[in-house]
C-alpha cells in the first residue's frame, strides 16, 4: 500500500502499490489522477505547474521576508 495526500483536501489516502488511474477521494469526493503517464504537451516540454499549496507557501515566505525587512529598517532608524 502507498499513502498519498488528496490534492484537494490534503487528507491521507491509501492506494494499492500498482494502482493507477482516476480515483475519487473518500473524504471530499473530488477526483484525482494517480500514477498516470502525463499527456505530451503541445510545446513538447514539461510544463511547470504550481499547485495552490506551493503558491500559498511562496506568498507566506514573501510576507515574512518583507515583514523582517521592515522591522530591520525600523530598528536601524531607531538606533540612529
Protein backbone atom coordinates (compact mmCIF):
# COMPACT_ATOMS: atom_id res chain seq x y z
CA UNK A 1 0.00 0.00 0.00
CA UNK A 2 1.07 3.55 -0.70
CA UNK A 3 -0.13 6.56 1.28
CA UNK A 4 -0.79 9.77 -0.63
CA UNK A 5 -2.45 13.10 0.14
CA UNK A 6 -5.59 14.11 -1.70
CA UNK A 7 -4.64 17.08 -3.92
CA UNK A 8 -7.93 18.76 -3.00
CA UNK A 9 -8.40 18.30 0.76
CA UNK A 10 -4.93 17.04 1.85
CA UNK A 11 -6.40 14.01 3.63
CA UNK A 12 -4.29 10.84 3.64
CA UNK A 13 -5.48 8.10 1.27
CA UNK A 14 -4.16 4.54 0.92
CA UNK A 15 -3.89 3.00 -2.55
CA UNK A 16 -2.51 -0.32 -3.75
CA UNK A 17 1.12 -0.12 -4.89
CA UNK A 18 0.21 -0.86 -8.50
CA UNK A 19 -2.83 1.43 -8.62
CA UNK A 20 -3.17 3.92 -11.44
CA UNK A 21 -5.97 5.92 -12.99
CA UNK A 22 -8.63 8.32 -11.80
CA UNK A 23 -9.87 7.99 -8.23
CA UNK A 24 -12.48 9.74 -6.07
CA UNK A 25 -11.29 10.90 -2.66
CA UNK A 26 -13.29 9.15 0.08
CA UNK A 27 -13.23 12.36 2.16
CA UNK A 28 -14.15 15.14 -0.28
CA UNK A 29 -15.41 13.09 -3.28
CA UNK A 30 -13.20 15.09 -5.66
CA UNK A 31 -11.49 13.17 -8.47
CA UNK A 32 -7.72 12.98 -8.90
CA UNK A 33 -5.26 11.07 -11.07
CA UNK A 34 -2.60 8.78 -9.64
CA UNK A 35 0.33 7.08 -11.33
CA UNK A 36 -0.82 8.13 -14.82
CA UNK A 37 1.63 8.98 -17.60
CA UNK A 38 1.23 12.67 -18.41
CA UNK A 39 -0.06 13.54 -21.85
CA UNK A 40 2.57 15.18 -24.05
CA UNK A 41 2.20 18.93 -24.16
CA UNK A 42 1.86 20.89 -27.39
CA UNK A 43 5.18 22.62 -26.72
CA UNK A 44 6.96 19.29 -26.34
CA UNK A 45 8.34 20.21 -22.91
CA UNK A 46 7.16 19.60 -19.42
CA UNK A 47 5.03 22.46 -18.14
CA UNK A 48 5.80 23.64 -14.62
CA UNK A 49 2.61 23.59 -12.60
CA UNK A 50 2.44 25.47 -9.33
CA UNK A 51 -0.13 23.98 -7.05
CA UNK A 52 -2.25 26.12 -4.77
CA UNK A 53 -0.22 24.86 -1.83
CA UNK A 54 3.08 25.96 -3.40
CA UNK A 55 1.64 29.37 -4.26
CA UNK A 56 0.38 29.80 -0.69
CA UNK A 57 3.83 28.88 0.63
CA UNK A 58 5.51 31.34 -1.69
CA UNK A 59 3.16 34.16 -0.65
CA UNK A 60 3.76 33.34 3.03
CA UNK A 61 7.55 33.41 2.54
CA UNK A 62 7.43 36.75 0.72
CA UNK A 63 5.28 38.25 3.51
CA UNK A 64 7.67 37.03 6.22
CA UNK A 65 10.74 38.35 4.39
CA UNK A 66 9.03 41.70 3.75
CA UNK A 67 7.99 41.98 7.42
CA UNK A 68 11.52 41.20 8.58
CA UNK A 69 12.93 43.81 6.20
CA UNK A 70 10.56 46.47 7.55
CA UNK A 71 11.44 45.52 11.14
CA UNK A 72 15.16 45.65 10.36
CA UNK A 73 14.96 49.09 8.72
CA UNK A 74 12.84 50.48 11.57
CA UNK A 75 15.34 49.11 14.09
CA UNK A 76 18.23 50.80 12.26
CA UNK A 77 16.34 54.12 12.15
CA UNK A 78 15.62 53.86 15.88
CA UNK A 79 19.34 53.49 16.68
CA UNK A 80 20.44 56.44 14.52
